[in-house]
Amino acid sequence: MAAISPQLFAAQDRAYRDSVVGPADRVDAMVVTNGAFTLMHHWAEGPGVREYSLSADWDDRWRTGGTIEEVMEEAHLDSGHILEAIKRFAAERSKRLGALRDDLESALRR
């Protein structure tokens, strides 16, 4: 999914929004953004989303500059980092969903 405009998305009816990205999708997600991770909260949120996502502010530091390739690599937004992040996200799905389930069960017992 390409997340272009949260304002345009919010203007759509709930059925459409949920068909594109529903509540379960928002917690079982990762994002790749060249902006700040916090700006993606319209699309994905949950305890593990940041851990699996890629964003230019991944380490809360300014990029040092250089060529486009150097900046993209430092930001972890080059093709190698993206491919590895997607592989990790897919490979660890059972672990991630198990942790979510455990957290929910723990909260329900309180």
N, C-alpha and C. Protein backbone atom coordinates (compact mmCIF):
# COMPACT_ATOMS: atom_id res chain seq x y z
N MET A 1 0.84 -1.17 0.00
CA MET A 1 0.00 0.00 0.00
C MET A 1 0.89 1.24 0.00
N ALA A 2 0.54 2.22 -0.73
CA ALA A 2 1.21 3.51 -0.70
C ALA A 2 0.37 4.46 0.15
N ALA A 3 0.97 4.99 1.20
CA ALA A 3 0.25 5.87 2.12
C ALA A 3 0.57 7.32 1.75
N ILE A 4 -0.21 7.88 0.87
CA ILE A 4 0.08 9.19 0.32
C ILE A 4 -0.48 10.33 1.18
N SER A 5 -1.76 10.23 1.57
CA SER A 5 -2.39 11.33 2.27
C SER A 5 -3.31 10.82 3.37
N PRO A 6 -2.93 11.00 4.63
CA PRO A 6 -3.83 10.58 5.71
C PRO A 6 -5.14 11.37 5.70
N GLN A 7 -5.09 12.61 5.25
CA GLN A 7 -6.31 13.43 5.20
C GLN A 7 -7.30 12.88 4.16
N LEU A 8 -6.81 12.55 2.99
CA LEU A 8 -7.67 11.97 1.96
C LEU A 8 -8.21 10.61 2.41
N PHE A 9 -7.36 9.81 3.02
CA PHE A 9 -7.78 8.50 3.52
C PHE A 9 -8.87 8.66 4.57
N ALA A 10 -8.70 9.61 5.50
CA ALA A 10 -9.69 9.84 6.55
C ALA A 10 -11.02 10.32 6.00
N ALA A 11 -11.02 10.93 4.82
CA ALA A 11 -12.25 11.43 4.21
C ALA A 11 -13.09 10.30 3.60
N GLN A 12 -12.50 9.12 3.45
CA GLN A 12 -13.23 7.98 2.88
C GLN A 12 -14.11 7.34 3.96
N ASP A 13 -15.13 6.61 3.54
CA ASP A 13 -15.99 5.98 4.54
C ASP A 13 -15.25 4.83 5.24
N ARG A 14 -15.71 4.51 6.44
CA ARG A 14 -15.06 3.51 7.28
C ARG A 14 -14.92 2.17 6.58
N ALA A 15 -15.94 1.73 5.86
CA ALA A 15 -15.88 0.43 5.18
C ALA A 15 -14.70 0.39 4.21
N TYR A 16 -14.52 1.45 3.45
CA TYR A 16 -13.40 1.51 2.52
C TYR A 16 -12.08 1.50 3.28
N ARG A 17 -11.96 2.34 4.30
CA ARG A 17 -10.71 2.42 5.06
C ARG A 17 -10.36 1.07 5.66
N ASP A 18 -11.35 0.39 6.24
CA ASP A 18 -11.09 -0.92 6.84
C ASP A 18 -10.75 -1.98 5.80
N SER A 19 -11.27 -1.82 4.57
CA SER A 19 -10.93 -2.79 3.52
C SER A 19 -9.48 -2.61 3.05
N VAL A 20 -8.95 -1.41 3.20
CA VAL A 20 -7.57 -1.15 2.79
C VAL A 20 -6.60 -1.52 3.90
N VAL A 21 -6.88 -1.04 5.09
CA VAL A 21 -6.04 -1.34 6.26
C VAL A 21 -6.94 -1.34 7.49
N GLY A 22 -7.30 -2.53 7.94
CA GLY A 22 -8.18 -2.66 9.08
C GLY A 22 -7.41 -2.67 10.39
N PRO A 23 -8.13 -2.79 11.49
CA PRO A 23 -7.49 -2.76 12.81
C PRO A 23 -6.40 -3.83 12.98
N ALA A 24 -6.64 -5.04 12.51
CA ALA A 24 -5.62 -6.09 12.65
C ALA A 24 -4.40 -5.79 11.79
N ASP A 25 -4.63 -5.21 10.62
CA ASP A 25 -3.51 -4.85 9.74
C ASP A 25 -2.61 -3.81 10.38
N ARG A 26 -3.19 -2.93 11.16
CA ARG A 26 -2.41 -1.84 11.76
C ARG A 26 -1.42 -2.33 12.81
N VAL A 27 -1.70 -3.45 13.46
CA VAL A 27 -0.77 -3.95 14.46
C VAL A 27 0.17 -5.02 13.90
N ASP A 28 -0.24 -5.70 12.84
CA ASP A 28 0.62 -6.68 12.18
C ASP A 28 1.18 -6.02 10.93
N ALA A 29 2.03 -5.04 11.13
CA ALA A 29 2.50 -4.22 10.02
C ALA A 29 3.93 -3.78 10.22
N MET A 30 4.51 -3.36 9.12
CA MET A 30 5.77 -2.63 9.13
C MET A 30 5.62 -1.54 8.10
N VAL A 31 6.37 -0.46 8.26
CA VAL A 31 6.32 0.61 7.28
C VAL A 31 7.74 0.92 6.82
N VAL A 32 7.82 1.42 5.60
CA VAL A 32 9.07 1.94 5.06
C VAL A 32 8.75 3.36 4.63
N THR A 33 9.42 4.31 5.26
CA THR A 33 9.14 5.72 4.97
C THR A 33 10.43 6.53 4.97
N ASN A 34 10.49 7.50 4.09
CA ASN A 34 11.65 8.38 4.09
C ASN A 34 11.42 9.58 5.00
N GLY A 35 10.30 9.58 5.70
CA GLY A 35 10.00 10.63 6.67
C GLY A 35 10.13 10.10 8.08
N ALA A 36 9.60 10.82 9.01
CA ALA A 36 9.64 10.42 10.41
C ALA A 36 8.66 9.28 10.66
N PHE A 37 9.08 8.32 11.45
CA PHE A 37 8.22 7.18 11.75
C PHE A 37 6.90 7.61 12.37
N THR A 38 6.93 8.59 13.25
CA THR A 38 5.72 9.03 13.94
C THR A 38 4.62 9.50 12.98
N LEU A 39 5.01 9.95 11.80
CA LEU A 39 4.02 10.39 10.82
C LEU A 39 3.23 9.24 10.22
N MET A 40 3.63 8.01 10.48
CA MET A 40 2.96 6.84 9.92
C MET A 40 1.88 6.29 10.85
N HIS A 41 1.61 6.95 11.97
CA HIS A 41 0.63 6.42 12.93
C HIS A 41 -0.77 6.31 12.33
N HIS A 42 -1.04 7.00 11.25
CA HIS A 42 -2.36 6.88 10.60
C HIS A 42 -2.53 5.50 9.96
N TRP A 43 -1.41 4.85 9.66
CA TRP A 43 -1.45 3.62 8.88
C TRP A 43 -1.11 2.40 9.72
N ALA A 44 -0.22 2.55 10.65
CA ALA A 44 0.23 1.40 11.41
C ALA A 44 0.56 1.84 12.83
N GLU A 45 0.12 1.03 13.78
CA GLU A 45 0.40 1.33 15.18
C GLU A 45 0.35 0.04 15.95
N GLY A 46 1.05 -0.03 16.99
CA GLY A 46 1.05 -1.24 17.79
C GLY A 46 2.42 -1.45 18.40
N PRO A 47 2.49 -2.39 19.32
CA PRO A 47 3.71 -2.56 20.10
C PRO A 47 4.94 -2.96 19.29
N GLY A 48 4.79 -3.67 18.18
CA GLY A 48 5.97 -4.12 17.46
C GLY A 48 6.22 -3.43 16.14
N VAL A 49 5.37 -2.50 15.75
CA VAL A 49 5.48 -1.91 14.42
C VAL A 49 6.81 -1.18 14.24
N ARG A 50 7.20 -0.37 15.19
CA ARG A 50 8.45 0.39 15.05
C ARG A 50 9.65 -0.55 14.94
N GLU A 51 9.63 -1.62 15.70
CA GLU A 51 10.75 -2.57 15.71
C GLU A 51 11.03 -3.13 14.31
N TYR A 52 10.00 -3.31 13.52
CA TYR A 52 10.15 -3.92 12.20
C TYR A 52 10.18 -2.90 11.06
N SER A 53 9.93 -1.66 11.35
CA SER A 53 9.82 -0.63 10.31
C SER A 53 11.15 0.02 9.99
N LEU A 54 11.18 0.64 8.82
CA LEU A 54 12.34 1.42 8.40
C LEU A 54 11.90 2.86 8.20
N SER A 55 12.66 3.77 8.79
CA SER A 55 12.38 5.19 8.62
C SER A 55 13.70 5.94 8.69
N ALA A 56 13.72 7.10 8.07
CA ALA A 56 14.94 7.89 8.04
C ALA A 56 15.41 8.27 9.44
N ASP A 57 14.50 8.31 10.40
CA ASP A 57 14.87 8.66 11.78
C ASP A 57 15.01 7.43 12.68
N TRP A 58 15.40 6.31 12.11
CA TRP A 58 15.47 5.04 12.85
C TRP A 58 16.31 5.13 14.11
N ASP A 59 17.33 5.97 14.10
CA ASP A 59 18.20 6.10 15.28
C ASP A 59 18.10 7.48 15.94
N ASP A 60 17.05 8.23 15.58
CA ASP A 60 16.82 9.56 16.14
C ASP A 60 18.01 10.50 15.96
N ARG A 61 18.67 10.37 14.80
CA ARG A 61 19.81 11.24 14.50
C ARG A 61 19.62 11.84 13.12
N TRP A 62 20.22 13.02 12.93
CA TRP A 62 20.26 13.61 11.60
C TRP A 62 21.19 12.79 10.73
N ARG A 63 20.90 12.68 9.46
CA ARG A 63 21.80 12.02 8.52
C ARG A 63 22.97 12.96 8.26
N THR A 64 24.14 12.40 8.00
CA THR A 64 25.35 13.21 7.88
C THR A 64 25.54 13.81 6.50
N GLY A 65 24.80 13.35 5.52
CA GLY A 65 24.91 13.92 4.18
C GLY A 65 25.78 13.07 3.28
N GLY A 66 25.97 13.54 2.07
CA GLY A 66 26.76 12.81 1.08
C GLY A 66 25.94 12.60 -0.17
N THR A 67 26.30 11.59 -0.91
CA THR A 67 25.55 11.27 -2.12
C THR A 67 24.19 10.69 -1.74
N ILE A 68 23.30 10.62 -2.71
CA ILE A 68 21.99 10.01 -2.45
C ILE A 68 22.17 8.59 -1.94
N GLU A 69 23.05 7.84 -2.56
CA GLU A 69 23.28 6.46 -2.15
C GLU A 69 23.80 6.38 -0.72
N GLU A 70 24.71 7.29 -0.35
CA GLU A 70 25.25 7.29 1.01
C GLU A 70 24.18 7.65 2.04
N VAL A 71 23.37 8.62 1.73
CA VAL A 71 22.30 9.02 2.65
C VAL A 71 21.28 7.89 2.80
N MET A 72 20.90 7.28 1.69
CA MET A 72 19.93 6.19 1.76
C MET A 72 20.47 5.01 2.57
N GLU A 73 21.74 4.70 2.40
CA GLU A 73 22.34 3.60 3.17
C GLU A 73 22.39 3.94 4.64
N GLU A 74 22.81 5.16 4.97
CA GLU A 74 22.89 5.58 6.37
C GLU A 74 21.50 5.60 7.02
N ALA A 75 20.50 5.95 6.24
CA ALA A 75 19.12 5.98 6.74
C ALA A 75 18.49 4.59 6.78
N HIS A 76 19.22 3.60 6.29
CA HIS A 76 18.72 2.22 6.19
C HIS A 76 17.54 2.10 5.23
N LEU A 77 17.54 2.94 4.21
CA LEU A 77 16.46 2.92 3.23
C LEU A 77 16.94 2.47 1.85
N ASP A 78 18.14 1.91 1.78
CA ASP A 78 18.64 1.36 0.53
C ASP A 78 18.02 -0.02 0.31
N SER A 79 18.15 -0.54 -0.89
CA SER A 79 17.48 -1.79 -1.24
C SER A 79 17.90 -2.96 -0.35
N GLY A 80 19.16 -3.01 0.06
CA GLY A 80 19.62 -4.10 0.93
C GLY A 80 18.93 -4.09 2.28
N HIS A 81 18.86 -2.93 2.91
CA HIS A 81 18.18 -2.83 4.20
C HIS A 81 16.68 -3.14 4.07
N ILE A 82 16.07 -2.64 3.01
CA ILE A 82 14.63 -2.89 2.83
C ILE A 82 14.36 -4.38 2.65
N LEU A 83 15.15 -5.04 1.81
CA LEU A 83 14.96 -6.47 1.59
C LEU A 83 15.13 -7.26 2.88
N GLU A 84 16.17 -6.96 3.64
CA GLU A 84 16.40 -7.67 4.91
C GLU A 84 15.27 -7.42 5.90
N ALA A 85 14.76 -6.20 5.95
CA ALA A 85 13.67 -5.88 6.88
C ALA A 85 12.40 -6.64 6.51
N ILE A 86 12.11 -6.72 5.23
CA ILE A 86 10.92 -7.46 4.77
C ILE A 86 11.07 -8.94 5.08
N LYS A 87 12.24 -9.49 4.82
CA LYS A 87 12.48 -10.92 5.13
C LYS A 87 12.31 -11.19 6.63
N ARG A 88 12.86 -10.32 7.46
CA ARG A 88 12.75 -10.48 8.92
C ARG A 88 11.29 -10.38 9.35
N PHE A 89 10.57 -9.39 8.81
CA PHE A 89 9.17 -9.21 9.15
C PHE A 89 8.37 -10.47 8.82
N ALA A 90 8.59 -11.04 7.65
CA ALA A 90 7.88 -12.24 7.23
C ALA A 90 8.29 -13.45 8.07
N ALA A 91 9.59 -13.61 8.30
CA ALA A 91 10.09 -14.78 9.03
C ALA A 91 9.66 -14.80 10.49
N GLU A 92 9.49 -13.64 11.08
CA GLU A 92 9.18 -13.56 12.51
C GLU A 92 7.70 -13.32 12.79
N ARG A 93 6.85 -13.57 11.81
CA ARG A 93 5.42 -13.30 11.99
C ARG A 93 4.82 -14.11 13.15
N SER A 94 5.10 -15.40 13.20
CA SER A 94 4.55 -16.23 14.29
C SER A 94 5.00 -15.72 15.65
N LYS A 95 6.26 -15.37 15.76
CA LYS A 95 6.80 -14.83 17.02
C LYS A 95 6.10 -13.52 17.38
N ARG A 96 5.94 -12.65 16.40
CA ARG A 96 5.33 -11.34 16.61
C ARG A 96 3.87 -11.49 17.04
N LEU A 97 3.12 -12.33 16.33
CA LEU A 97 1.71 -12.51 16.68
C LEU A 97 1.56 -13.23 18.01
N GLY A 98 2.48 -14.13 18.33
CA GLY A 98 2.46 -14.79 19.63
C GLY A 98 2.65 -13.79 20.77
N ALA A 99 3.55 -12.86 20.58
CA ALA A 99 3.78 -11.83 21.60
C ALA A 99 2.55 -10.95 21.75
N LEU A 100 1.92 -10.60 20.64
CA LEU A 100 0.68 -9.80 20.71
C LEU A 100 -0.41 -10.56 21.45
N ARG A 101 -0.55 -11.84 21.14
CA ARG A 101 -1.56 -12.67 21.80
C ARG A 101 -1.28 -12.76 23.31
N ASP A 102 -0.01 -12.97 23.67
CA ASP A 102 0.36 -13.05 25.08
C ASP A 102 0.05 -11.74 25.81
N ASP A 103 0.35 -10.62 25.17
CA ASP A 103 0.06 -9.31 25.77
C ASP A 103 -1.43 -9.12 25.98
N LEU A 104 -2.23 -9.52 24.98
CA LEU A 104 -3.68 -9.40 25.09
C LEU A 104 -4.23 -10.28 26.20
N GLU A 105 -3.79 -11.53 26.26
CA GLU A 105 -4.24 -12.44 27.31
C GLU A 105 -3.86 -11.93 28.70
N SER A 106 -2.67 -11.38 28.81
CA SER A 106 -2.24 -10.81 30.09
C SER A 106 -3.11 -9.63 30.49
N ALA A 107 -3.43 -8.77 29.54
CA ALA A 107 -4.26 -7.61 29.82
C ALA A 107 -5.68 -8.04 30.20
N LEU A 108 -6.20 -9.09 29.59
CA LEU A 108 -7.54 -9.55 29.89
C LEU A 108 -7.63 -10.18 31.28
N ARG A 109 -6.53 -10.74 31.77
CA ARG A 109 -6.51 -11.34 33.09
C ARG A 109 -6.49 -10.32 34.22
N ARG A 110 -6.15 -9.10 33.91
CA ARG A 110 -6.05 -8.06 34.95
C ARG A 110 -7.39 -7.60 35.40
